[in-house]
N, C-alpha and C. Protein backbone atom coordinates (compact mmCIF):
# COMPACT_ATOMS: atom_id res chain seq x y z
N MET A 1 0.93 -1.15 -0.08
CA MET A 1 0.11 -0.46 -0.01
C MET A 1 0.74 1.40 -0.10
N VAL A 2 0.53 2.26 -0.69
CA VAL A 2 1.28 3.38 -0.58
C VAL A 2 1.11 4.16 0.38
N SER A 3 1.94 4.81 1.01
CA SER A 3 1.63 5.39 1.84
C SER A 3 1.20 6.88 1.75
N ARG A 4 0.54 7.14 3.16
CA ARG A 4 -0.29 8.78 3.09
C ARG A 4 0.82 10.11 2.66
N LEU A 5 1.98 9.81 2.53
CA LEU A 5 2.72 10.52 2.57
C LEU A 5 3.02 10.80 1.07
N ARG A 6 3.17 9.61 0.04
CA ARG A 6 3.34 10.12 -1.36
C ARG A 6 1.91 10.44 -2.02
N LEU A 7 0.88 9.73 -1.43
CA LEU A 7 -0.13 10.13 -1.92
C LEU A 7 -0.89 11.55 -1.73
N HIS A 8 -0.38 12.14 -0.79
CA HIS A 8 -0.31 13.79 -0.45
C HIS A 8 0.36 14.14 -1.04
N TRP A 9 2.31 13.96 -1.52
CA TRP A 9 2.76 14.49 -2.57
C TRP A 9 2.59 14.19 -4.11
N GLN A 10 1.75 12.98 -4.59
CA GLN A 10 1.00 12.98 -5.72
C GLN A 10 -0.02 13.87 -5.77
N LEU A 11 -0.62 14.27 -4.68
CA LEU A 11 -1.99 15.46 -5.08
C LEU A 11 -1.27 16.65 -4.71
N ALA A 12 -0.49 16.93 -4.58
CA ALA A 12 0.39 18.49 -4.17
C ALA A 12 1.20 18.76 -5.35
N TRP A 13 1.34 17.83 -6.20
CA TRP A 13 2.55 18.08 -7.43
C TRP A 13 1.09 18.29 -8.42
N ALA A 14 -0.15 17.02 -8.49
CA ALA A 14 -0.98 17.56 -9.62
C ALA A 14 -1.63 18.97 -9.03
N ARG A 15 -1.64 19.50 -7.89
CA ARG A 15 -2.22 20.76 -8.14
C ARG A 15 -1.11 21.76 -8.55
N VAL A 16 0.65 21.48 -8.63
CA VAL A 16 1.45 22.60 -9.04
C VAL A 16 1.02 22.68 -10.96
N LEU A 17 1.08 21.71 -11.43
CA LEU A 17 0.75 21.33 -12.43
C LEU A 17 -0.29 21.77 -13.46
N LEU A 18 -0.93 21.81 -12.59
CA LEU A 18 -2.66 22.19 -12.89
C LEU A 18 -2.69 23.94 -12.93
N TRP A 19 -1.68 24.14 -11.90
CA TRP A 19 -1.90 25.74 -11.66
C TRP A 19 -0.75 26.09 -12.69
N ILE A 20 0.50 25.93 -13.09
CA ILE A 20 1.04 26.01 -14.15
C ILE A 20 0.60 26.02 -15.52
N ALA A 21 -0.46 25.13 -15.41
CA ALA A 21 -0.82 24.90 -16.69
C ALA A 21 -2.01 25.79 -17.27
N SER A 22 -2.67 25.94 -16.28
CA SER A 22 -3.49 27.24 -15.97
C SER A 22 -3.05 28.33 -16.42
N SER A 23 -2.11 28.90 -15.32
CA SER A 23 -0.97 29.97 -15.93
C SER A 23 -2.22 31.11 -15.56
N GLY A 24 -2.75 31.42 -14.59
CA GLY A 24 -3.37 32.31 -14.19
C GLY A 24 -5.15 32.66 -14.61
N ARG A 25 -5.32 31.72 -15.34
CA ARG A 25 -6.86 31.41 -16.00
C ARG A 25 -7.65 30.94 -15.80
N ASP A 26 -8.97 31.35 -15.41
CA ASP A 26 -9.68 30.12 -14.86
C ASP A 26 -10.13 29.37 -16.15
N VAL A 27 -10.12 28.32 -15.72
CA VAL A 27 -10.06 26.70 -16.59
C VAL A 27 -10.61 25.62 -16.20
N GLU A 28 -11.48 24.94 -16.59
CA GLU A 28 -11.25 23.69 -16.07
C GLU A 28 -10.63 22.85 -16.44
N PRO A 29 -9.62 21.63 -15.39
CA PRO A 29 -8.92 20.39 -16.17
C PRO A 29 -10.23 19.66 -16.82
N THR A 30 -9.17 19.05 -17.24
CA THR A 30 -10.04 17.58 -18.56
C THR A 30 -10.89 16.63 -17.73
N PRO A 31 -11.48 15.69 -18.04
CA PRO A 31 -12.06 14.96 -17.13
C PRO A 31 -11.31 13.98 -16.89
N GLU A 32 -10.36 13.74 -17.67
CA GLU A 32 -9.25 12.18 -16.94
C GLU A 32 -7.87 13.46 -15.84
N VAL A 33 -8.24 14.38 -15.87
CA VAL A 33 -7.44 14.33 -14.81
C VAL A 33 -8.61 14.69 -13.47
N HIS A 34 -9.58 14.92 -13.70
CA HIS A 34 -10.89 14.82 -12.64
C HIS A 34 -10.36 13.27 -12.21
N LEU A 35 -10.30 12.48 -12.97
CA LEU A 35 -10.57 10.82 -12.98
C LEU A 35 -8.97 10.45 -11.88
N TYR A 36 -7.92 11.03 -12.61
CA TYR A 36 -6.79 10.71 -11.97
C TYR A 36 -6.54 11.84 -10.36
N LEU A 37 -7.14 12.70 -10.19
CA LEU A 37 -7.54 13.44 -8.69
C LEU A 37 -8.33 12.38 -7.78
N ALA A 38 -9.83 12.13 -8.38
CA ALA A 38 -10.59 11.17 -7.52
C ALA A 38 -9.76 9.89 -7.15
N ASP A 39 -9.11 9.12 -8.05
CA ASP A 39 -8.08 8.54 -7.66
C ASP A 39 -7.05 8.23 -6.55
N VAL A 40 -6.11 9.32 -6.40
CA VAL A 40 -5.65 9.75 -5.02
C VAL A 40 -6.44 10.21 -4.42
N HIS A 41 -7.51 10.87 -4.35
CA HIS A 41 -8.45 11.16 -2.93
C HIS A 41 -9.25 9.48 -2.73
N PHE A 42 -9.21 8.98 -3.19
CA PHE A 42 -10.01 7.56 -3.13
C PHE A 42 -8.87 7.19 -2.00
N ARG A 43 -7.91 6.18 -2.75
CA ARG A 43 -6.89 5.74 -2.06
C ARG A 43 -6.26 6.68 -0.85
N LEU A 44 -6.49 7.75 -0.54
CA LEU A 44 -6.04 8.79 0.44
C LEU A 44 -6.76 8.17 1.76
N ALA A 45 -8.30 8.63 1.19
CA ALA A 45 -9.27 8.00 2.29
C ALA A 45 -8.93 6.32 2.48
N ASP A 46 -8.93 5.80 1.90
CA ASP A 46 -8.30 4.14 2.22
C ASP A 46 -7.39 4.42 2.97
N ALA A 47 -6.05 5.10 2.81
CA ALA A 47 -4.97 4.93 3.90
C ALA A 47 -5.98 5.70 5.35
N TYR A 48 -6.37 6.92 5.28
CA TYR A 48 -6.51 7.21 6.80
C TYR A 48 -7.71 6.25 7.44
N GLU A 49 -8.64 5.66 6.28
CA GLU A 49 -9.63 4.57 7.36
C GLU A 49 -8.49 3.97 8.00
N ALA A 50 -7.27 2.83 7.44
CA ALA A 50 -6.89 1.82 8.05
C ALA A 50 -6.07 2.57 8.70
N ALA A 51 -5.73 3.74 9.04
CA ALA A 51 -4.92 4.67 10.14
C ALA A 51 -5.87 4.97 11.39
N GLY A 52 -7.48 4.63 11.17
CA GLY A 52 -8.75 5.17 12.16
C GLY A 52 -8.72 6.45 11.87
N ARG A 53 -8.58 7.08 10.88
CA ARG A 53 -8.66 8.32 11.26
C ARG A 53 -10.25 9.06 10.26
N THR A 54 -11.36 8.52 10.77
CA THR A 54 -12.48 8.53 9.98
C THR A 54 -12.93 9.94 9.36
N ARG A 55 -12.53 10.91 9.62
CA ARG A 55 -13.07 12.03 9.42
C ARG A 55 -12.28 12.43 8.89
N LEU A 56 -10.81 12.49 8.31
CA LEU A 56 -10.12 12.84 7.14
C LEU A 56 -10.61 11.55 5.75
N ALA A 57 -10.73 10.63 6.30
CA ALA A 57 -10.97 10.26 5.16
C ALA A 57 -12.65 10.21 4.64
N LYS A 58 -13.17 10.30 5.47
CA LYS A 58 -14.43 10.91 5.04
C LYS A 58 -14.61 12.18 4.26
N GLU A 59 -13.54 12.97 4.64
CA GLU A 59 -13.28 13.98 3.61
C GLU A 59 -12.76 14.00 2.65
N HIS A 60 -11.57 13.28 2.19
CA HIS A 60 -10.91 12.88 1.44
C HIS A 60 -11.78 12.32 -0.16
N ARG A 61 -13.13 11.01 0.72
CA ARG A 61 -13.66 10.68 0.20
C ARG A 61 -15.21 11.49 -0.73
N VAL A 62 -15.32 12.58 0.18
CA VAL A 62 -16.11 13.50 -0.82
C VAL A 62 -15.51 14.29 -1.30
N CYS A 63 -14.21 14.75 -1.88
CA CYS A 63 -13.97 15.11 -2.19
C CYS A 63 -13.38 14.05 -3.78
N ALA A 64 -13.38 13.00 -3.32
CA ALA A 64 -13.19 12.26 -4.55
C ALA A 64 -14.36 12.00 -5.19
N ASN A 65 -15.66 12.08 -4.70
CA ASN A 65 -16.27 11.76 -5.65
C ASN A 65 -16.91 12.73 -6.70
N LYS A 66 -16.88 14.38 -5.92
CA LYS A 66 -16.68 15.34 -6.78
C LYS A 66 -16.18 15.67 -7.94
N HIS A 67 -14.67 15.10 -7.81
CA HIS A 67 -13.89 14.74 -8.93
C HIS A 67 -14.35 13.62 -9.79
N ALA A 68 -14.71 12.39 -9.11
CA ALA A 68 -15.40 11.49 -10.08
C ALA A 68 -16.67 11.73 -10.64
N VAL A 69 -18.03 12.86 -10.44
CA VAL A 69 -18.50 13.21 -11.35
C VAL A 69 -18.21 13.74 -12.35
N LYS A 70 -17.14 14.46 -12.15
CA LYS A 70 -16.99 15.53 -13.43
C LYS A 70 -15.55 14.50 -14.04
N GLY A 71 -15.57 13.76 -13.73
CA GLY A 71 -14.35 12.35 -14.50
C GLY A 71 -15.67 12.26 -16.08
N PRO A 72 -14.84 11.33 -16.90
CA PRO A 72 -15.46 10.84 -18.16
C PRO A 72 -16.58 9.90 -17.88
N PRO A 73 -17.09 10.21 -18.83
CA PRO A 73 -18.25 9.20 -18.70
C PRO A 73 -18.19 7.38 -18.47
N PRO A 74 -18.50 6.41 -18.07
CA PRO A 74 -17.79 4.71 -18.27
C PRO A 74 -18.54 5.02 -19.35
N GLU A 75 -17.80 3.53 -19.96
CA GLU A 75 -18.22 3.12 -21.72
C GLU A 75 -19.48 2.11 -21.33
N LEU A 76 -19.63 2.03 -22.10
CA LEU A 76 -21.16 1.47 -23.02
C LEU A 76 -20.56 -0.05 -22.42
N PRO A 77 -21.55 -0.67 -22.44
CA PRO A 77 -21.30 -2.41 -22.69
C PRO A 77 -21.40 -2.77 -23.94
N PRO A 78 -20.58 -3.88 -23.69
CA PRO A 78 -19.96 -4.43 -25.31
C PRO A 78 -21.74 -4.96 -25.83
N ALA A 79 -22.35 -4.80 -27.07
CA ALA A 79 -23.47 -4.77 -27.65
C ALA A 79 -23.37 -6.77 -27.86
N ALA A 80 -24.59 -6.91 -27.30
CA ALA A 80 -24.94 -8.86 -27.37
C ALA A 80 -25.56 -9.17 -28.92
N ALA A 81 -25.79 -10.01 -29.11
CA ALA A 81 -26.24 -10.36 -30.24
C ALA A 81 -28.00 -10.67 -29.91
N MET A 82 -29.06 -10.74 -30.55
CA MET A 82 -30.29 -11.17 -29.99
C MET A 82 -30.65 -11.87 -30.65
N ALA A 83 -31.28 -12.76 -30.06
CA ALA A 83 -32.16 -14.03 -30.74
C ALA A 83 -33.25 -13.07 -31.97
N MET A 84 -33.65 -13.67 -33.28
CA MET A 84 -34.60 -13.10 -33.84
C MET A 84 -35.17 -14.13 -34.69
N PRO A 85 -36.51 -14.20 -34.93
CA PRO A 85 -37.30 -15.42 -35.52
C PRO A 85 -36.64 -15.42 -37.11
N ILE A 86 -36.74 -16.83 -38.13
CA ILE A 86 -36.38 -16.78 -39.22
C ILE A 86 -37.39 -15.90 -39.85
N PRO A 87 -36.73 -15.75 -41.22
CA PRO A 87 -37.57 -14.58 -41.65
C PRO A 87 -38.13 -15.54 -42.65
N HIS A 88 -39.95 -15.10 -43.20
CA HIS A 88 -40.21 -15.68 -44.00
C HIS A 88 -39.59 -15.60 -45.67
N ALA A 89 -40.12 -16.63 -46.42
CA ALA A 89 -39.30 -16.59 -47.63
C ALA A 89 -40.05 -15.69 -48.41
N PRO A 90 -38.54 -14.92 -49.12
CA PRO A 90 -38.94 -13.76 -50.48
C PRO A 90 -40.38 -14.22 -51.19
N ILE A 91 -41.22 -12.90 -51.24
CA ILE A 91 -42.14 -13.60 -52.67
C ILE A 91 -41.81 -12.13 -53.81
N PHE A 92 -41.55 -12.94 -54.63
CA PHE A 92 -40.75 -12.13 -56.17
C PHE A 92 -42.73 -12.05 -56.82
N THR A 93 -42.98 -10.83 -57.19
CA THR A 93 -44.03 -10.16 -57.92
C THR A 93 -43.13 -9.90 -59.06
N ASP A 94 -43.99 -10.18 -60.33
CA ASP A 94 -43.01 -9.54 -61.96
C ASP A 94 -44.02 -7.84 -62.22
N ALA A 95 -43.13 -7.30 -61.65
CA ALA A 95 -44.11 -5.81 -61.96
C ALA A 95 -44.03 -5.02 -63.16
N ARG A 96 -43.52 -5.79 -63.92
CA ARG A 96 -43.04 -5.09 -65.44
C ARG A 96 -44.56 -4.19 -65.93
N GLY A 97 -45.20 -3.52 -66.66
CA GLY A 97 -45.76 -2.82 -67.58
C GLY A 97 -46.16 -3.61 -68.67
N ARG A 98 -47.33 -3.59 -69.09
CA ARG A 98 -47.13 -4.33 -70.92
C ARG A 98 -48.29 -3.71 -71.14
N VAL A 99 -48.05 -3.52 -72.49
CA VAL A 99 -49.23 -2.77 -73.30
C VAL A 99 -50.18 -3.54 -73.76
N PRO A 100 -51.37 -3.53 -73.42
CA PRO A 100 -52.85 -5.15 -73.56
C PRO A 100 -52.45 -5.20 -75.32
N ASP A 101 -53.10 -5.86 -76.16
CA ASP A 101 -53.20 -6.19 -77.54
C ASP A 101 -54.01 -5.44 -78.10
N ASP A 102 -55.06 -5.56 -77.10
CA ASP A 102 -56.61 -4.61 -77.78
C ASP A 102 -55.97 -3.17 -77.91
N VAL A 103 -55.31 -2.66 -77.67
CA VAL A 103 -55.07 -1.24 -77.89
C VAL A 103 -54.19 -1.09 -78.90
N ALA A 104 -54.35 -0.33 -79.79
CA ALA A 104 -53.51 -0.20 -80.92
C ALA A 104 -53.40 1.60 -81.50
């Protein structure tokens, strides 16, 4: 299991990179960045839970859930083959027009 110090370091480094990338502008991180931040916060929450610090674990879990909501949507499940009835035999129709013999 990764230590809490390393997780805090990863979180701080990600925030520094976001600050540098935004360079003073008010921008929203990409969904992939939100997913990364959610992962780090979830791991921090688990580490605090294992150490018996439930209040900090709850705070990190709330923050992780906020980032997870802003992350990319989950992938759709793969398509599955569906059973279909056997189709009826085709009906062929001779639909060509012809001039009757009595019209001249």
